[in-house]
C-alpha atoms as a PDB file:
ATOM      1  CA  UNK A   1       0.059   0.051  -0.014  1.00  0.00           C
ATOM      2  CA  UNK A   2       2.685   2.732   0.945  1.00  0.00           C
ATOM      3  CA  UNK A   3       4.408   1.825  -2.641  1.00  0.00           C
ATOM      4  CA  UNK A   4       1.017   2.173  -4.414  1.00  0.00           C
ATOM      5  CA  UNK A   5       0.483   5.635  -2.597  1.00  0.00           C
ATOM      6  CA  UNK A   6       3.987   6.699  -3.298  1.00  0.00           C
ATOM      7  CA  UNK A   7       3.680   5.797  -6.898  1.00  0.00           C
ATOM      8  CA  UNK A   8       0.423   7.303  -7.200  1.00  0.00           C
ATOM      9  CA  UNK A   9       1.685  10.967  -5.413  1.00  0.00           C
ATOM     10  CA  UNK A  10       4.738  10.818  -7.820  1.00  0.00           C
ATOM     11  CA  UNK A  11       2.360  10.521 -10.637  1.00  0.00           C
ATOM     12  CA  UNK A  12       0.386  13.466  -9.483  1.00  0.00           C
ATOM     13  CA  UNK A  13       3.145  15.629  -8.860  1.00  0.00           C
ATOM     14  CA  UNK A  14       4.638  14.884 -12.496  1.00  0.00           C
ATOM     15  CA  UNK A  15       1.325  15.422 -14.163  1.00  0.00           C
ATOM     16  CA  UNK A  16       0.642  18.650 -12.158  1.00  0.00           C
ATOM     17  CA  UNK A  17       3.987  20.002 -12.958  1.00  0.00           C
ATOM     18  CA  UNK A  18       3.559  19.347 -16.508  1.00  0.00           C
ATOM     19  CA  UNK A  19       0.537  21.257 -16.459  1.00  0.00           C
ATOM     20  CA  UNK A  20       1.999  23.918 -14.357  1.00  0.00           C
ATOM     21  CA  UNK A  21       4.999  24.441 -16.825  1.00  0.00           C
ATOM     22  CA  UNK A  22       2.455  24.304 -19.969  1.00  0.00           C
ATOM     23  CA  UNK A  23       0.393  26.777 -18.278  1.00  0.00           C
ATOM     24  CA  UNK A  24       3.313  29.060 -17.697  1.00  0.00           C
ATOM     25  CA  UNK A  25       4.519  28.831 -21.207  1.00  0.00           C
ATOM     26  CA  UNK A  26       1.131  29.220 -22.442  1.00  0.00           C
ATOM     27  CA  UNK A  27       0.355  32.417 -20.576  1.00  0.00           C
ATOM     28  CA  UNK A  28       1.815  34.156 -23.537  1.00  0.00           C
ATOM     29  CA  UNK A  29       3.202  32.256 -26.297  1.00  0.00           C
ATOM     30  CA  UNK A  30       3.840  35.383 -28.753  1.00  0.00           C
ATOM     31  CA  UNK A  31       6.544  36.351 -26.338  1.00  0.00           C
ATOM     32  CA  UNK A  32       8.376  32.992 -26.959  1.00  0.00           C
ATOM     33  CA  UNK A  33       7.863  33.197 -30.606  1.00  0.00           C
ATOM     34  CA  UNK A  34       9.211  36.829 -30.629  1.00  0.00           C
ATOM     35  CA  UNK A  35      12.395  35.827 -28.568  1.00  0.00           C
ATOM     36  CA  UNK A  36      12.933  33.058 -31.079  1.00  0.00           C
ATOM     37  CA  UNK A  37      12.332  35.422 -34.071  1.00  0.00           C
ATOM     38  CA  UNK A  38      14.810  38.217 -32.551  1.00  0.00           C
ATOM     39  CA  UNK A  39      17.474  35.474 -32.208  1.00  0.00           C
ATOM     40  CA  UNK A  40      17.206  34.040 -35.384  1.00  0.00           C
ATOM     41  CA  UNK A  41      17.510  37.383 -36.869  1.00  0.00           C
ATOM     42  CA  UNK A  42      20.744  37.837 -34.815  1.00  0.00           C
ATOM     43  CA  UNK A  43      22.165  34.407 -35.994  1.00  0.00           C
ATOM     44  CA  UNK A  44      21.212  35.771 -39.583  1.00  0.00           C
ATOM     45  CA  UNK A  45      22.974  38.953 -38.703  1.00  0.00           C
ATOM     46  CA  UNK A  46      26.396  37.079 -37.501  1.00  0.00           C
ATOM     47  CA  UNK A  47      26.383  34.698 -40.543  1.00  0.00           C
ATOM     48  CA  UNK A  48      26.474  37.810 -42.700  1.00  0.00           C
ATOM     49  CA  UNK A  49      29.066  39.447 -40.797  1.00  0.00           C
ATOM     50  CA  UNK A  50      31.233  36.134 -41.483  1.00  0.00           C
ATOM     51  CA  UNK A  51      30.020  35.981 -45.095  1.00  0.00           C
ATOM     52  CA  UNK A  52      31.222  39.528 -45.701  1.00  0.00           C
ATOM     53  CA  UNK A  53      34.585  38.857 -43.946  1.00  0.00           C
ATOM     54  CA  UNK A  54      35.222  35.864 -45.833  1.00  0.00           C
ATOM     55  CA  UNK A  55      34.524  37.501 -49.047  1.00  0.00           C
ATOM     56  CA  UNK A  56      36.682  40.373 -48.060  1.00  0.00           C
ATOM     57  CA  UNK A  57      39.497  38.372 -47.014  1.00  0.00           C
ATOM     58  CA  UNK A  58      39.426  36.259 -50.342  1.00  0.00           C
ATOM     59  CA  UNK A  59      39.434  39.653 -52.172  1.00  0.00           C
ATOM     60  CA  UNK A  60      42.462  40.731 -50.205  1.00  0.00           C
ATOM     61  CA  UNK A  61      44.239  37.391 -51.187  1.00  0.00           C
ATOM     62  CA  UNK A  62      43.451  38.077 -54.750  1.00  0.00           C
ATOM     63  CA  UNK A  63      44.465  41.567 -54.676  1.00  0.00           C
ATOM     64  CA  UNK A  64      47.903  40.686 -52.442  1.00  0.00           C
ATOM     65  CA  UNK A  65      48.732  37.265 -54.275  1.00  0.00           C
ATOM     66  CA  UNK A  66      47.499  37.349 -57.750  1.00  0.00           C
ATOM     67  CA  UNK A  67      46.930  41.185 -59.106  1.00  0.00           C
ATOM     68  CA  UNK A  68      50.107  42.488 -57.233  1.00  0.00           C
ATOM     69  CA  UNK A  69      49.805  46.066 -58.202  1.00  0.00           C
ATOM     70  CA  UNK A  70      50.897  48.525 -55.817  1.00  0.00           C
ATOM     71  CA  UNK A  71      47.066  50.175 -55.745  1.00  0.00           C
ATOM     72  CA  UNK A  72      45.727  46.459 -55.271  1.00  0.00           C
ATOM     73  CA  UNK A  73      48.312  45.785 -52.219  1.00  0.00           C
ATOM     74  CA  UNK A  74      47.335  48.913 -50.325  1.00  0.00           C
ATOM     75  CA  UNK A  75      43.502  48.018 -50.818  1.00  0.00           C
ATOM     76  CA  UNK A  76      44.339  44.289 -49.612  1.00  0.00           C
ATOM     77  CA  UNK A  77      45.937  45.476 -46.507  1.00  0.00           C
ATOM     78  CA  UNK A  78      42.728  47.411 -45.366  1.00  0.00           C
ATOM     79  CA  UNK A  79      40.255  44.659 -46.432  1.00  0.00           C
ATOM     80  CA  UNK A  80      42.335  42.058 -44.713  1.00  0.00           C
ATOM     81  CA  UNK A  81      41.857  44.244 -41.802  1.00  0.00           C
ATOM     82  CA  UNK A  82      38.214  44.407 -42.149  1.00  0.00           C
ATOM     83  CA  UNK A  83      37.839  40.584 -42.924  1.00  0.00           C
ATOM     84  CA  UNK A  84      39.420  40.088 -39.401  1.00  0.00           C
ATOM     85  CA  UNK A  85      37.321  42.134 -37.350  1.00  0.00           C
ATOM     86  CA  UNK A  86      34.107  40.765 -39.463  1.00  0.00           C
ATOM     87  CA  UNK A  87      34.963  37.317 -38.826  1.00  0.00           C
ATOM     88  CA  UNK A  88      35.595  37.829 -35.067  1.00  0.00           C
ATOM     89  CA  UNK A  89      32.573  39.764 -34.477  1.00  0.00           C
ATOM     90  CA  UNK A  90      30.382  37.314 -36.503  1.00  0.00           C
ATOM     91  CA  UNK A  91      31.579  34.417 -34.624  1.00  0.00           C
ATOM     92  CA  UNK A  92      31.857  36.390 -31.193  1.00  0.00           C
ATOM     93  CA  UNK A  93      27.987  37.626 -31.760  1.00  0.00           C
ATOM     94  CA  UNK A  94      26.760  33.931 -32.511  1.00  0.00           C
ATOM     95  CA  UNK A  95      28.087  32.729 -29.501  1.00  0.00           C
ATOM     96  CA  UNK A  96      27.134  35.417 -27.273  1.00  0.00           C
ATOM     97  CA  UNK A  97      23.557  35.248 -28.715  1.00  0.00           C
ATOM     98  CA  UNK A  98      23.008  31.532 -28.191  1.00  0.00           C
ATOM     99  CA  UNK A  99      23.786  31.681 -24.673  1.00  0.00           C
ATOM    100  CA  UNK A 100      21.786  35.011 -24.328  1.00  0.00           C
ATOM    101  CA  UNK A 101      18.862  33.072 -26.041  1.00  0.00           C
ATOM    102  CA  UNK A 102      18.802  29.923 -23.524  1.00  0.00           C
ATOM    103  CA  UNK A 103      19.067  32.587 -20.399  1.00  0.00           C
ATOM    104  CA  UNK A 104      16.132  34.709 -21.596  1.00  0.00           C
ATOM    105  CA  UNK A 105      14.055  31.640 -22.412  1.00  0.00           C
ATOM    106  CA  UNK A 106      14.497  30.107 -18.782  1.00  0.00           C
ATOM    107  CA  UNK A 107      13.934  33.907 -17.058  1.00  0.00           C
ATOM    108  CA  UNK A 108      10.606  33.880 -19.359  1.00  0.00           C
ATOM    109  CA  UNK A 109       9.399  31.114 -17.621  1.00  0.00           C
ATOM    110  CA  UNK A 110      10.308  31.830 -14.164  1.00  0.00           C
ATOM    111  CA  UNK A 111       9.799  35.979 -13.585  1.00  0.00           C
ATOM    112  CA  UNK A 112       9.616  38.980 -15.812  1.00  0.00           C
ATOM    113  CA  UNK A 113      11.257  41.436 -13.551  1.00  0.00           C
ATOM    114  CA  UNK A 114      14.944  40.583 -13.741  1.00  0.00           C
ATOM    115  CA  UNK A 115      14.849  40.141 -17.547  1.00  0.00           C
ATOM    116  CA  UNK A 116      13.827  43.542 -18.035  1.00  0.00           C
ATOM    117  CA  UNK A 117      16.157  45.262 -15.762  1.00  0.00           C
ATOM    118  CA  UNK A 118      19.221  43.128 -16.725  1.00  0.00           C
ATOM    119  CA  UNK A 119      18.522  43.158 -20.645  1.00  0.00           C
ATOM    120  CA  UNK A 120      17.892  47.075 -20.463  1.00  0.00           C
ATOM    121  CA  UNK A 121      21.154  47.363 -18.808  1.00  0.00           C
ATOM    122  CA  UNK A 122      22.731  45.171 -21.347  1.00  0.00           C
ATOM    123  CA  UNK A 123      21.151  47.214 -24.085  1.00  0.00           C
ATOM    124  CA  UNK A 124      22.156  50.371 -23.147  1.00  0.00           C
ATOM    125  CA  UNK A 125      25.769  49.037 -22.905  1.00  0.00           C
ATOM    126  CA  UNK A 126      25.739  47.750 -26.295  1.00  0.00           C
ATOM    127  CA  UNK A 127      24.098  51.139 -27.751  1.00  0.00           C
ATOM    128  CA  UNK A 128      27.080  52.952 -25.988  1.00  0.00           C
ATOM    129  CA  UNK A 129      29.640  50.741 -27.826  1.00  0.00           C
ATOM    130  CA  UNK A 130      27.842  50.779 -31.272  1.00  0.00           C
ATOM    131  CA  UNK A 131      28.044  54.786 -30.906  1.00  0.00           C
ATOM    132  CA  UNK A 132      31.916  54.635 -29.919  1.00  0.00           C
ATOM    133  CA  UNK A 133      32.240  52.211 -32.889  1.00  0.00           C
ATOM    134  CA  UNK A 134      30.564  54.797 -34.964  1.00  0.00           C
ATOM    135  CA  UNK A 135      32.870  57.715 -34.011  1.00  0.00           C
ATOM    136  CA  UNK A 136      35.907  55.617 -34.803  1.00  0.00           C
ATOM    137  CA  UNK A 137      34.772  54.560 -38.146  1.00  0.00           C
ATOM    138  CA  UNK A 138      33.782  58.118 -39.241  1.00  0.00           C
ATOM    139  CA  UNK A 139      37.221  58.876 -38.259  1.00  0.00           C
ATOM    140  CA  UNK A 140      38.962  55.912 -40.192  1.00  0.00           C
ATOM    141  CA  UNK A 141      36.854  57.137 -43.434  1.00  0.00           C
ATOM    142  CA  UNK A 142      37.950  60.483 -42.989  1.00  0.00           C
ATOM    143  CA  UNK A 143      41.593  59.416 -42.873  1.00  0.00           C
ATOM    144  CA  UNK A 144      40.697  57.357 -45.985  1.00  0.00           C
ATOM    145  CA  UNK A 145      39.144  59.749 -47.984  1.00  0.00           C
ATOM    146  CA  UNK A 146      42.251  62.210 -47.112  1.00  0.00           C
ATOM    147  CA  UNK A 147      44.843  59.435 -48.254  1.00  0.00           C
ATOM    148  CA  UNK A 148      43.107  58.880 -51.254  1.00  0.00           C
ATOM    149  CA  UNK A 149      42.933  62.168 -52.384  1.00  0.00           C
ATOM    150  CA  UNK A 150      46.460  63.411 -51.292  1.00  0.00           C
ATOM    151  CA  UNK A 151      47.855  60.298 -53.190  1.00  0.00           C
ATOM    152  CA  UNK A 152      45.618  60.886 -56.047  1.00  0.00           C
ATOM    153  CA  UNK A 153      47.812  61.777 -58.748  1.00  0.00           C
ATOM    154  CA  UNK A 154      51.083  60.706 -56.657  1.00  0.00           C
ATOM    155  CA  UNK A 155      53.091  57.995 -58.403  1.00  0.00           C
ATOM    156  CA  UNK A 156      52.748  56.344 -54.922  1.00  0.00           C
ATOM    157  CA  UNK A 157      49.399  54.269 -55.678  1.00  0.00           C
ATOM    158  CA  UNK A 158      49.806  52.098 -52.837  1.00  0.00           C
ATOM    159  CA  UNK A 159      48.589  54.836 -50.033  1.00  0.00           C
ATOM    160  CA  UNK A 160      45.756  55.606 -52.666  1.00  0.00           C
ATOM    161  CA  UNK A 161      44.817  51.980 -52.508  1.00  0.00           C
ATOM    162  CA  UNK A 162      44.966  51.985 -48.984  1.00  0.00           C
ATOM    163  CA  UNK A 163      42.813  54.943 -48.588  1.00  0.00           C
ATOM    164  CA  UNK A 164      40.435  53.346 -50.817  1.00  0.00           C
ATOM    165  CA  UNK A 165      40.222  50.129 -48.878  1.00  0.00           C
ATOM    166  CA  UNK A 166      39.435  52.268 -46.067  1.00  0.00           C
ATOM    167  CA  UNK A 167      36.912  54.051 -47.482  1.00  0.00           C
ATOM    168  CA  UNK A 168      35.203  50.539 -48.627  1.00  0.00           C
ATOM    169  CA  UNK A 169      35.737  48.759 -45.365  1.00  0.00           C
ATOM    170  CA  UNK A 170      34.497  51.837 -43.092  1.00  0.00           C
ATOM    171  CA  UNK A 171      31.227  52.281 -45.290  1.00  0.00           C
ATOM    172  CA  UNK A 172      30.767  48.434 -44.983  1.00  0.00           C
ATOM    173  CA  UNK A 173      31.202  48.662 -41.049  1.00  0.00           C
ATOM    174  CA  UNK A 174      28.977  51.728 -40.774  1.00  0.00           C
ATOM    175  CA  UNK A 175      26.395  49.997 -42.664  1.00  0.00           C
ATOM    176  CA  UNK A 176      26.432  46.941 -40.692  1.00  0.00           C
ATOM    177  CA  UNK A 177      26.862  49.128 -37.276  1.00  0.00           C
ATOM    178  CA  UNK A 178      23.360  50.557 -38.342  1.00  0.00           C
ATOM    179  CA  UNK A 179      21.734  47.535 -39.047  1.00  0.00           C
ATOM    180  CA  UNK A 180      22.761  46.207 -35.636  1.00  0.00           C
ATOM    181  CA  UNK A 181      21.888  49.251 -33.671  1.00  0.00           C
ATOM    182  CA  UNK A 182      18.223  48.968 -35.519  1.00  0.00           C
ATOM    183  CA  UNK A 183      17.971  45.490 -34.175  1.00  0.00           C
ATOM    184  CA  UNK A 184      19.233  46.495 -30.867  1.00  0.00           C
ATOM    185  CA  UNK A 185      16.491  49.281 -30.691  1.00  0.00           C
ATOM    186  CA  UNK A 186      13.820  46.639 -31.833  1.00  0.00           C
ATOM    187  CA  UNK A 187      14.789  44.414 -29.323  1.00  0.00           C
ATOM    188  CA  UNK A 188      14.881  47.172 -26.602  1.00  0.00           C
ATOM    189  CA  UNK A 189      11.227  48.016 -27.402  1.00  0.00           C
ATOM    190  CA  UNK A 190      10.485  44.242 -27.405  1.00  0.00           C
ATOM    191  CA  UNK A 191      11.663  43.867 -24.128  1.00  0.00           C
ATOM    192  CA  UNK A 192       9.931  47.068 -22.765  1.00  0.00           C
ATOM    193  CA  UNK A 193       6.619  45.889 -24.170  1.00  0.00           C
ATOM    194  CA  UNK A 194       6.705  42.394 -22.459  1.00  0.00           C
ATOM    195  CA  UNK A 195       6.604  43.463 -19.134  1.00  0.00           C
END
């Protein structure tokens, strides 16, 4: 008899906890779907970073090893730097967003207040970093434009190519920075609207 009672109690607790978990998750399934959509977009964004980084790495190798003109060697150096930054950012963002997604899904089940405070603080820090990156990119773009026009008629085509590569690199980085900022602002409004 005690074994039966223990078995029945265990079964009731298991069924009750399953129903409770299902009811917690079904409180607002739209939130779970929005979290999944956001993190899917973030994964796509990090894959775009990786793809552009690999393309710029291949272009820098082609310019450096195959074409071998002074102008293209200068462009190859700045494209190589761009490729390193983009590949690192793409890999790093993908790893961070995977951890963040599982953490948020767990917190959505438990409570909402810590998510809002933790995530909003993290979003503000990321927005501040993006603002600093934007200023750095504008400064590099200015240097690239100056190099390009200073050495425009000079026989030293290397520096003209380097300036041209800086212009291309920073334009790509500024556009990706804008996309990241827009996604981050959408995520911020999503977090504020959930709770």
